């Protein structure tokens, strides 16, 4: 079954909360996830930067850690939700406020905006969606070894029915592999890439990204592969807002939050740098033609 993009909240068997995001795509499969401090982003692969001119919705921050919380989403609403939470707003209210304000994506498919948020300190977890016909935000309480998910199509309402009863991912890297290929998610078609955050035993959030093609690679090989990175977000009482890049999609981030909150920084990829520069040039060209 094809359900499009997926967000999920889960609890490891050790009792640590997780937020998961997966791109499943028929129209734009040539994308991958990259990590910067505290942020994971979805961008076109090198050579496919022009896809952003076909749809301004395909490049965005999909995962962002702020203090004790992590937000995952399928679009430009990731940052505003995270910023409201960082400013003291409750998870429920942050999701509801931003989803209502930004509405569904006004593309040819009226794609819903979906989001997930977790707070490791308060143990809260929420799923939210804004569709053309509804705005739904609901608290969920995954038990150890359990995850709840929400998708843009078909499984597009928070429900106990959309549940994985055997969630087994002790860290963010394992969570990426899980949401791409394992458990309930294995029957959901066309996985492309994933970005996940899992609270560490020390209480920090570990972030990781992985392409579907890299899931079967040995763990030792994946650690050094440009398609698989991870870092640890150090919880803090304050965080820096990721500056935004104006252009085709106002949610394309410059990915420059302060790095002082992080204890492990991933290797950078020359391919990512080339791809991001191409996207910036295309975004500026789009804006200069009056399509901002």
C-alpha atoms as a PDB file:
ATOM      1  CA  UNK A   1       0.000   0.000   0.000  1.00  0.00           C
ATOM      2  CA  UNK A   2       1.205   3.496  -0.846  1.00  0.00           C
ATOM      3  CA  UNK A   3       0.522   6.069   1.881  1.00  0.00           C
ATOM      4  CA  UNK A   4       3.024   8.814   0.996  1.00  0.00           C
ATOM      5  CA  UNK A   5       5.110  10.548   3.639  1.00  0.00           C
ATOM      6  CA  UNK A   6       5.039   9.162   7.182  1.00  0.00           C
ATOM      7  CA  UNK A   7       5.622  10.621  10.651  1.00  0.00           C
ATOM      8  CA  UNK A   8       5.678   8.464  13.754  1.00  0.00           C
ATOM      9  CA  UNK A   9       6.280   8.606  17.484  1.00  0.00           C
ATOM     10  CA  UNK A  10       7.597   5.597  19.316  1.00  0.00           C
ATOM     11  CA  UNK A  11       9.063   4.308  22.529  1.00  0.00           C
ATOM     12  CA  UNK A  12      12.090   2.037  22.594  1.00  0.00           C
ATOM     13  CA  UNK A  13      11.995  -1.145  24.624  1.00  0.00           C
ATOM     14  CA  UNK A  14      14.133   0.707  27.163  1.00  0.00           C
ATOM     15  CA  UNK A  15      11.476   3.422  27.487  1.00  0.00           C
ATOM     16  CA  UNK A  16      13.094   6.237  25.479  1.00  0.00           C
ATOM     17  CA  UNK A  17      10.949   8.339  23.142  1.00  0.00           C
ATOM     18  CA  UNK A  18      11.541   8.614  19.402  1.00  0.00           C
ATOM     19  CA  UNK A  19      10.313  10.720  16.480  1.00  0.00           C
ATOM     20  CA  UNK A  20      10.519   9.244  12.991  1.00  0.00           C
ATOM     21  CA  UNK A  21      10.092  10.630   9.486  1.00  0.00           C
ATOM     22  CA  UNK A  22      10.063   8.743   6.199  1.00  0.00           C
ATOM     23  CA  UNK A  23       9.817   9.955   2.632  1.00  0.00           C
ATOM     24  CA  UNK A  24       7.839   7.600   0.431  1.00  0.00           C
ATOM     25  CA  UNK A  25       7.402   9.086  -3.014  1.00  0.00           C
ATOM     26  CA  UNK A  26       6.172   8.251  -6.482  1.00  0.00           C
ATOM     27  CA  UNK A  27       6.633  11.682  -8.069  1.00  0.00           C
ATOM     28  CA  UNK A  28       9.945  12.814  -6.532  1.00  0.00           C
ATOM     29  CA  UNK A  29      12.005   9.781  -5.470  1.00  0.00           C
ATOM     30  CA  UNK A  30      15.368  11.426  -6.210  1.00  0.00           C
ATOM     31  CA  UNK A  31      15.754  12.970  -2.778  1.00  0.00           C
ATOM     32  CA  UNK A  32      17.758  12.211   0.317  1.00  0.00           C
ATOM     33  CA  UNK A  33      18.087  13.337   3.922  1.00  0.00           C
ATOM     34  CA  UNK A  34      21.085  15.261   5.245  1.00  0.00           C
ATOM     35  CA  UNK A  35      22.086  16.265   8.765  1.00  0.00           C
ATOM     36  CA  UNK A  36      23.228  19.574  10.130  1.00  0.00           C
ATOM     37  CA  UNK A  37      23.445  20.354  13.860  1.00  0.00           C
ATOM     38  CA  UNK A  38      20.009  19.785  15.356  1.00  0.00           C
ATOM     39  CA  UNK A  39      18.305  19.562  11.976  1.00  0.00           C
ATOM     40  CA  UNK A  40      17.657  16.957   9.295  1.00  0.00           C
ATOM     41  CA  UNK A  41      16.588  18.157   5.863  1.00  0.00           C
ATOM     42  CA  UNK A  42      15.194  16.630   2.699  1.00  0.00           C
ATOM     43  CA  UNK A  43      16.795  17.901  -0.518  1.00  0.00           C
ATOM     44  CA  UNK A  44      17.049  16.712  -4.139  1.00  0.00           C
ATOM     45  CA  UNK A  45      19.974  14.484  -4.995  1.00  0.00           C
ATOM     46  CA  UNK A  46      22.800  16.016  -7.046  1.00  0.00           C
ATOM     47  CA  UNK A  47      21.670  16.223 -10.652  1.00  0.00           C
ATOM     48  CA  UNK A  48      18.003  16.565  -9.689  1.00  0.00           C
ATOM     49  CA  UNK A  49      18.064  20.075  -8.233  1.00  0.00           C
ATOM     50  CA  UNK A  50      15.721  21.227 -10.998  1.00  0.00           C
ATOM     51  CA  UNK A  51      12.921  19.215  -9.386  1.00  0.00           C
ATOM     52  CA  UNK A  52      12.390  22.118  -7.011  1.00  0.00           C
ATOM     53  CA  UNK A  53      11.081  24.150  -9.948  1.00  0.00           C
ATOM     54  CA  UNK A  54       8.433  21.494 -10.545  1.00  0.00           C
ATOM     55  CA  UNK A  55       7.300  21.643  -6.915  1.00  0.00           C
ATOM     56  CA  UNK A  56       8.362  24.100  -4.202  1.00  0.00           C
ATOM     57  CA  UNK A  57       7.327  21.599  -1.514  1.00  0.00           C
ATOM     58  CA  UNK A  58      10.015  18.939  -1.966  1.00  0.00           C
ATOM     59  CA  UNK A  59      12.918  20.495  -0.003  1.00  0.00           C
ATOM     60  CA  UNK A  60      12.494  21.279   3.673  1.00  0.00           C
ATOM     61  CA  UNK A  61      13.673  20.640   7.209  1.00  0.00           C
ATOM     62  CA  UNK A  62      11.967  17.406   8.217  1.00  0.00           C
ATOM     63  CA  UNK A  63      13.354  16.985  11.743  1.00  0.00           C
ATOM     64  CA  UNK A  64      14.420  19.515  14.347  1.00  0.00           C
ATOM     65  CA  UNK A  65      15.523  19.138  17.960  1.00  0.00           C
ATOM     66  CA  UNK A  66      14.857  21.924  20.466  1.00  0.00           C
ATOM     67  CA  UNK A  67      15.745  21.363  24.103  1.00  0.00           C
ATOM     68  CA  UNK A  68      13.952  18.260  25.374  1.00  0.00           C
ATOM     69  CA  UNK A  69      11.755  18.055  22.271  1.00  0.00           C
ATOM     70  CA  UNK A  70      11.921  16.898  18.680  1.00  0.00           C
ATOM     71  CA  UNK A  71       9.584  17.791  15.817  1.00  0.00           C
ATOM     72  CA  UNK A  72       9.210  15.755  12.621  1.00  0.00           C
ATOM     73  CA  UNK A  73       7.150  16.803   9.611  1.00  0.00           C
ATOM     74  CA  UNK A  74       6.734  16.592   5.855  1.00  0.00           C
ATOM     75  CA  UNK A  75       7.300  20.253   5.054  1.00  0.00           C
ATOM     76  CA  UNK A  76       8.033  23.847   5.889  1.00  0.00           C
ATOM     77  CA  UNK A  77       6.031  23.684   9.120  1.00  0.00           C
ATOM     78  CA  UNK A  78       8.843  21.872  10.969  1.00  0.00           C
ATOM     79  CA  UNK A  79      10.645  25.072  11.937  1.00  0.00           C
ATOM     80  CA  UNK A  80       7.631  27.160  13.040  1.00  0.00           C
ATOM     81  CA  UNK A  81       6.382  24.297  15.216  1.00  0.00           C
ATOM     82  CA  UNK A  82       9.826  23.851  16.771  1.00  0.00           C
ATOM     83  CA  UNK A  83      10.176  27.583  17.365  1.00  0.00           C
ATOM     84  CA  UNK A  84       6.823  27.807  19.143  1.00  0.00           C
ATOM     85  CA  UNK A  85       7.753  24.861  21.356  1.00  0.00           C
ATOM     86  CA  UNK A  86      11.118  26.464  22.062  1.00  0.00           C
ATOM     87  CA  UNK A  87       9.245  29.621  23.059  1.00  0.00           C
ATOM     88  CA  UNK A  88       7.271  27.729  25.692  1.00  0.00           C
ATOM     89  CA  UNK A  89       4.132  26.655  23.841  1.00  0.00           C
ATOM     90  CA  UNK A  90       2.692  23.204  24.582  1.00  0.00           C
ATOM     91  CA  UNK A  91       3.214  20.525  21.948  1.00  0.00           C
ATOM     92  CA  UNK A  92      -0.507  20.266  21.212  1.00  0.00           C
ATOM     93  CA  UNK A  93      -0.934  24.004  20.787  1.00  0.00           C
ATOM     94  CA  UNK A  94       2.192  24.398  18.667  1.00  0.00           C
ATOM     95  CA  UNK A  95       1.046  21.702  16.242  1.00  0.00           C
ATOM     96  CA  UNK A  96      -2.528  22.988  16.074  1.00  0.00           C
ATOM     97  CA  UNK A  97      -1.536  26.647  15.656  1.00  0.00           C
ATOM     98  CA  UNK A  98       0.995  26.097  12.884  1.00  0.00           C
ATOM     99  CA  UNK A  99      -0.983  23.475  10.980  1.00  0.00           C
ATOM    100  CA  UNK A 100      -4.057  25.698  10.989  1.00  0.00           C
ATOM    101  CA  UNK A 101      -2.076  28.751   9.897  1.00  0.00           C
ATOM    102  CA  UNK A 102      -0.137  27.046   7.095  1.00  0.00           C
ATOM    103  CA  UNK A 103      -2.947  24.773   5.883  1.00  0.00           C
ATOM    104  CA  UNK A 104      -2.491  21.817   3.534  1.00  0.00           C
ATOM    105  CA  UNK A 105      -0.090  22.115   0.605  1.00  0.00           C
ATOM    106  CA  UNK A 106      -1.866  23.714  -2.327  1.00  0.00           C
ATOM    107  CA  UNK A 107      -0.351  21.441  -4.947  1.00  0.00           C
ATOM    108  CA  UNK A 108      -2.125  19.273  -7.518  1.00  0.00           C
ATOM    109  CA  UNK A 109      -2.843  16.609  -4.873  1.00  0.00           C
ATOM    110  CA  UNK A 110      -3.831  18.919  -1.993  1.00  0.00           C
ATOM    111  CA  UNK A 111      -1.148  17.117   0.007  1.00  0.00           C
ATOM    112  CA  UNK A 112      -1.817  17.202   3.757  1.00  0.00           C
ATOM    113  CA  UNK A 113       0.749  18.562   6.171  1.00  0.00           C
ATOM    114  CA  UNK A 114       1.613  16.040   8.870  1.00  0.00           C
ATOM    115  CA  UNK A 115       3.692  16.451  12.015  1.00  0.00           C
ATOM    116  CA  UNK A 116       4.866  14.590  15.098  1.00  0.00           C
ATOM    117  CA  UNK A 117       6.376  15.960  18.296  1.00  0.00           C
ATOM    118  CA  UNK A 118       7.772  14.381  21.452  1.00  0.00           C
ATOM    119  CA  UNK A 119       9.011  15.742  24.772  1.00  0.00           C
ATOM    120  CA  UNK A 120      11.386  13.370  26.539  1.00  0.00           C
ATOM    121  CA  UNK A 121      11.146  15.221  29.858  1.00  0.00           C
ATOM    122  CA  UNK A 122       7.334  15.345  30.146  1.00  0.00           C
ATOM    123  CA  UNK A 123       6.829  12.092  28.194  1.00  0.00           C
ATOM    124  CA  UNK A 124       4.317  13.777  25.880  1.00  0.00           C
ATOM    125  CA  UNK A 125       3.864  12.716  22.254  1.00  0.00           C
ATOM    126  CA  UNK A 126       1.519  14.130  19.610  1.00  0.00           C
ATOM    127  CA  UNK A 127       0.543  13.481  16.006  1.00  0.00           C
ATOM    128  CA  UNK A 128      -1.144  16.108  13.840  1.00  0.00           C
ATOM    129  CA  UNK A 129      -2.445  16.585  10.306  1.00  0.00           C
ATOM    130  CA  UNK A 130      -4.175  19.294   8.322  1.00  0.00           C
ATOM    131  CA  UNK A 131      -6.067  18.027   5.286  1.00  0.00           C
ATOM    132  CA  UNK A 132      -8.374  19.854   2.909  1.00  0.00           C
ATOM    133  CA  UNK A 133     -11.302  18.627   5.003  1.00  0.00           C
ATOM    134  CA  UNK A 134      -9.922  18.464   8.554  1.00  0.00           C
ATOM    135  CA  UNK A 135      -7.434  19.567  11.191  1.00  0.00           C
ATOM    136  CA  UNK A 136      -6.585  16.809  13.683  1.00  0.00           C
ATOM    137  CA  UNK A 137      -4.113  16.868  16.583  1.00  0.00           C
ATOM    138  CA  UNK A 138      -4.042  14.046  19.092  1.00  0.00           C
ATOM    139  CA  UNK A 139      -1.927  12.911  22.015  1.00  0.00           C
ATOM    140  CA  UNK A 140      -0.623   9.354  21.840  1.00  0.00           C
ATOM    141  CA  UNK A 141       1.101   7.271  24.482  1.00  0.00           C
ATOM    142  CA  UNK A 142       3.331   4.603  22.979  1.00  0.00           C
ATOM    143  CA  UNK A 143       4.406   1.940  25.422  1.00  0.00           C
ATOM    144  CA  UNK A 144       7.839   0.293  25.352  1.00  0.00           C
ATOM    145  CA  UNK A 145       8.362  -1.340  21.965  1.00  0.00           C
ATOM    146  CA  UNK A 146       5.432   0.480  20.365  1.00  0.00           C
ATOM    147  CA  UNK A 147       4.995   3.217  17.745  1.00  0.00           C
ATOM    148  CA  UNK A 148       2.065   5.163  16.307  1.00  0.00           C
ATOM    149  CA  UNK A 149       2.211   6.709  12.861  1.00  0.00           C
ATOM    150  CA  UNK A 150       0.365   9.036  10.512  1.00  0.00           C
ATOM    151  CA  UNK A 151       0.667   9.379   6.730  1.00  0.00           C
ATOM    152  CA  UNK A 152      -0.304  11.892   4.080  1.00  0.00           C
ATOM    153  CA  UNK A 153      -2.655   9.465   2.306  1.00  0.00           C
ATOM    154  CA  UNK A 154      -4.912   6.577   3.328  1.00  0.00           C
ATOM    155  CA  UNK A 155      -3.673   6.339   6.933  1.00  0.00           C
ATOM    156  CA  UNK A 156      -4.272  10.052   7.351  1.00  0.00           C
ATOM    157  CA  UNK A 157      -5.823  10.442  10.806  1.00  0.00           C
ATOM    158  CA  UNK A 158      -4.352   9.792  14.265  1.00  0.00           C
ATOM    159  CA  UNK A 159      -5.697   6.385  15.248  1.00  0.00           C
ATOM    160  CA  UNK A 160      -4.874   3.386  17.405  1.00  0.00           C
ATOM    161  CA  UNK A 161      -5.280   1.395  14.192  1.00  0.00           C
ATOM    162  CA  UNK A 162      -2.085   2.880  12.743  1.00  0.00           C
ATOM    163  CA  UNK A 163       0.274   1.283  15.211  1.00  0.00           C
ATOM    164  CA  UNK A 164       3.399  -0.844  15.209  1.00  0.00           C
ATOM    165  CA  UNK A 165       3.294  -3.210  18.203  1.00  0.00           C
ATOM    166  CA  UNK A 166       6.883  -4.428  17.838  1.00  0.00           C
ATOM    167  CA  UNK A 167       8.942  -1.248  17.458  1.00  0.00           C
ATOM    168  CA  UNK A 168      12.536  -2.292  18.043  1.00  0.00           C
ATOM    169  CA  UNK A 169      15.054   0.517  17.558  1.00  0.00           C
ATOM    170  CA  UNK A 170      17.552   1.170  20.357  1.00  0.00           C
ATOM    171  CA  UNK A 171      19.041   4.217  18.612  1.00  0.00           C
ATOM    172  CA  UNK A 172      18.351   6.685  15.809  1.00  0.00           C
ATOM    173  CA  UNK A 173      20.233   4.668  13.198  1.00  0.00           C
ATOM    174  CA  UNK A 174      18.150   1.596  13.948  1.00  0.00           C
ATOM    175  CA  UNK A 175      14.993   3.725  13.886  1.00  0.00           C
ATOM    176  CA  UNK A 176      15.805   4.846  10.330  1.00  0.00           C
ATOM    177  CA  UNK A 177      16.207   1.260   9.184  1.00  0.00           C
ATOM    178  CA  UNK A 178      13.033   0.287  11.014  1.00  0.00           C
ATOM    179  CA  UNK A 179      10.771   2.944   9.525  1.00  0.00           C
ATOM    180  CA  UNK A 180      12.107   2.190   6.046  1.00  0.00           C
ATOM    181  CA  UNK A 181      11.942  -1.599   6.001  1.00  0.00           C
ATOM    182  CA  UNK A 182      10.673  -3.255   9.171  1.00  0.00           C
ATOM    183  CA  UNK A 183       7.564  -4.027  11.175  1.00  0.00           C
ATOM    184  CA  UNK A 184       4.314  -2.422  10.060  1.00  0.00           C
ATOM    185  CA  UNK A 185       6.271  -0.033   7.835  1.00  0.00           C
ATOM    186  CA  UNK A 186       7.584  -2.861   5.651  1.00  0.00           C
ATOM    187  CA  UNK A 187       4.246  -3.146   3.844  1.00  0.00           C
ATOM    188  CA  UNK A 188       4.078   0.578   3.048  1.00  0.00           C
ATOM    189  CA  UNK A 189       5.413   1.108  -0.456  1.00  0.00           C
ATOM    190  CA  UNK A 190       8.097   3.217  -2.135  1.00  0.00           C
ATOM    191  CA  UNK A 191      10.434   4.146   0.732  1.00  0.00           C
ATOM    192  CA  UNK A 192      13.092   6.677  -0.244  1.00  0.00           C
ATOM    193  CA  UNK A 193      14.854   8.044   2.837  1.00  0.00           C
ATOM    194  CA  UNK A 194      14.362   8.530   6.572  1.00  0.00           C
ATOM    195  CA  UNK A 195      15.364  10.858   9.400  1.00  0.00           C
ATOM    196  CA  UNK A 196      14.864   9.875  13.031  1.00  0.00           C
ATOM    197  CA  UNK A 197      15.590  11.067  16.550  1.00  0.00           C
ATOM    198  CA  UNK A 198      15.806   8.805  19.602  1.00  0.00           C
ATOM    199  CA  UNK A 199      16.515   9.892  23.156  1.00  0.00           C
ATOM    200  CA  UNK A 200      19.817   8.490  24.379  1.00  0.00           C
ATOM    201  CA  UNK A 201      20.270   6.881  27.819  1.00  0.00           C
ATOM    202  CA  UNK A 202      21.810  10.192  28.926  1.00  0.00           C
ATOM    203  CA  UNK A 203      18.658  12.059  27.889  1.00  0.00           C
ATOM    204  CA  UNK A 204      20.063  13.687  24.749  1.00  0.00           C
ATOM    205  CA  UNK A 205      18.439  13.216  21.364  1.00  0.00           C
ATOM    206  CA  UNK A 206      20.460  11.311  18.803  1.00  0.00           C
ATOM    207  CA  UNK A 207      19.597  12.172  15.194  1.00  0.00           C
ATOM    208  CA  UNK A 208      20.284   9.970  12.189  1.00  0.00           C
ATOM    209  CA  UNK A 209      19.437   9.827   8.499  1.00  0.00           C
ATOM    210  CA  UNK A 210      19.593   6.946   6.054  1.00  0.00           C
ATOM    211  CA  UNK A 211      18.618   6.257   2.466  1.00  0.00           C
ATOM    212  CA  UNK A 212      16.571   3.176   1.731  1.00  0.00           C
ATOM    213  CA  UNK A 213      19.342   1.853  -0.518  1.00  0.00           C
ATOM    214  CA  UNK A 214      21.773   1.877   2.422  1.00  0.00           C
ATOM    215  CA  UNK A 215      19.646  -0.130   4.853  1.00  0.00           C
ATOM    216  CA  UNK A 216      21.162  -3.452   3.820  1.00  0.00           C
ATOM    217  CA  UNK A 217      24.764  -2.226   4.070  1.00  0.00           C
ATOM    218  CA  UNK A 218      26.786  -3.519   7.056  1.00  0.00           C
ATOM    219  CA  UNK A 219      26.626  -1.188  10.050  1.00  0.00           C
ATOM    220  CA  UNK A 220      30.362  -0.458   9.965  1.00  0.00           C
ATOM    221  CA  UNK A 221      30.115   0.559   6.318  1.00  0.00           C
ATOM    222  CA  UNK A 222      27.019   2.694   6.883  1.00  0.00           C
ATOM    223  CA  UNK A 223      28.725   4.757   9.575  1.00  0.00           C
ATOM    224  CA  UNK A 224      31.160   6.239   7.061  1.00  0.00           C
ATOM    225  CA  UNK A 225      28.783   6.435   4.111  1.00  0.00           C
ATOM    226  CA  UNK A 226      27.567   9.845   2.986  1.00  0.00           C
ATOM    227  CA  UNK A 227      24.029   8.458   2.881  1.00  0.00           C
ATOM    228  CA  UNK A 228      24.107   7.633   6.575  1.00  0.00           C
ATOM    229  CA  UNK A 229      25.030  10.129   9.278  1.00  0.00           C
ATOM    230  CA  UNK A 230      24.171  10.634  12.892  1.00  0.00           C
ATOM    231  CA  UNK A 231      24.780  13.179  15.634  1.00  0.00           C
ATOM    232  CA  UNK A 232      23.706  13.818  19.190  1.00  0.00           C
ATOM    233  CA  UNK A 233      21.649  16.832  20.230  1.00  0.00           C
ATOM    234  CA  UNK A 234      22.512  18.100  23.707  1.00  0.00           C
ATOM    235  CA  UNK A 235      19.337  19.280  25.442  1.00  0.00           C
ATOM    236  CA  UNK A 236      19.483  22.952  26.359  1.00  0.00           C
ATOM    237  CA  UNK A 237      17.190  25.531  27.903  1.00  0.00           C
ATOM    238  CA  UNK A 238      17.652  27.710  24.839  1.00  0.00           C
ATOM    239  CA  UNK A 239      18.307  27.056  21.192  1.00  0.00           C
ATOM    240  CA  UNK A 240      19.112  29.015  18.103  1.00  0.00           C
ATOM    241  CA  UNK A 241      16.516  29.347  15.384  1.00  0.00           C
ATOM    242  CA  UNK A 242      17.559  27.971  12.038  1.00  0.00           C
ATOM    243  CA  UNK A 243      17.648  30.920   9.623  1.00  0.00           C
ATOM    244  CA  UNK A 244      15.404  30.578   6.618  1.00  0.00           C
ATOM    245  CA  UNK A 245      16.266  30.944   2.965  1.00  0.00           C
ATOM    246  CA  UNK A 246      13.853  33.008   0.896  1.00  0.00           C
ATOM    247  CA  UNK A 247      12.949  31.597  -2.467  1.00  0.00           C
ATOM    248  CA  UNK A 248      10.757  28.978  -4.073  1.00  0.00           C
ATOM    249  CA  UNK A 249       9.916  27.462  -0.715  1.00  0.00           C
ATOM    250  CA  UNK A 250      10.262  29.694   2.313  1.00  0.00           C
ATOM    251  CA  UNK A 251      11.014  26.606   4.379  1.00  0.00           C
ATOM    252  CA  UNK A 252      14.340  25.762   2.776  1.00  0.00           C
ATOM    253  CA  UNK A 253      16.702  26.345   5.665  1.00  0.00           C
ATOM    254  CA  UNK A 254      20.198  27.691   5.581  1.00  0.00           C
ATOM    255  CA  UNK A 255      20.955  24.961   8.160  1.00  0.00           C
ATOM    256  CA  UNK A 256      23.064  27.180  10.392  1.00  0.00           C
ATOM    257  CA  UNK A 257      21.957  26.799  14.025  1.00  0.00           C
ATOM    258  CA  UNK A 258      24.710  27.131  16.609  1.00  0.00           C
ATOM    259  CA  UNK A 259      26.754  23.986  17.102  1.00  0.00           C
ATOM    260  CA  UNK A 260      27.447  24.496  20.818  1.00  0.00           C
ATOM    261  CA  UNK A 261      24.580  22.177  21.792  1.00  0.00           C
ATOM    262  CA  UNK A 262      26.043  19.123  20.087  1.00  0.00           C
ATOM    263  CA  UNK A 263      28.510  16.526  21.195  1.00  0.00           C
ATOM    264  CA  UNK A 264      29.021  14.673  17.921  1.00  0.00           C
ATOM    265  CA  UNK A 265      29.142  16.275  14.483  1.00  0.00           C
ATOM    266  CA  UNK A 266      28.745  14.148  11.317  1.00  0.00           C
ATOM    267  CA  UNK A 267      31.087  14.234   8.389  1.00  0.00           C
ATOM    268  CA  UNK A 268      30.038  16.637   5.642  1.00  0.00           C
ATOM    269  CA  UNK A 269      29.465  15.559   2.072  1.00  0.00           C
ATOM    270  CA  UNK A 270      30.811  17.482  -0.951  1.00  0.00           C
ATOM    271  CA  UNK A 271      27.769  16.185  -2.829  1.00  0.00           C
ATOM    272  CA  UNK A 272      25.499  17.815  -0.245  1.00  0.00           C
ATOM    273  CA  UNK A 273      27.330  21.130  -0.631  1.00  0.00           C
ATOM    274  CA  UNK A 274      27.037  21.064  -4.421  1.00  0.00           C
ATOM    275  CA  UNK A 275      23.383  20.110  -4.236  1.00  0.00           C
ATOM    276  CA  UNK A 276      22.558  22.838  -1.721  1.00  0.00           C
ATOM    277  CA  UNK A 277      24.311  25.505  -3.786  1.00  0.00           C
ATOM    278  CA  UNK A 278      22.326  24.447  -6.841  1.00  0.00           C
ATOM    279  CA  UNK A 279      19.070  24.611  -4.873  1.00  0.00           C
ATOM    280  CA  UNK A 280      19.909  28.107  -3.619  1.00  0.00           C
ATOM    281  CA  UNK A 281      20.621  29.284  -7.170  1.00  0.00           C
ATOM    282  CA  UNK A 282      17.366  27.773  -8.437  1.00  0.00           C
ATOM    283  CA  UNK A 283      15.419  29.284  -5.555  1.00  0.00           C
ATOM    284  CA  UNK A 284      16.831  32.725  -6.276  1.00  0.00           C
ATOM    285  CA  UNK A 285      16.022  32.328  -9.972  1.00  0.00           C
ATOM    286  CA  UNK A 286      12.461  31.291  -9.076  1.00  0.00           C
ATOM    287  CA  UNK A 287      12.048  34.342  -6.865  1.00  0.00           C
ATOM    288  CA  UNK A 288      13.496  36.734  -9.459  1.00  0.00           C
ATOM    289  CA  UNK A 289      10.850  35.632 -11.972  1.00  0.00           C
ATOM    290  CA  UNK A 290       8.076  36.687  -9.602  1.00  0.00           C
ATOM    291  CA  UNK A 291       7.147  33.258  -8.245  1.00  0.00           C
ATOM    292  CA  UNK A 292       8.016  33.878  -4.607  1.00  0.00           C
END
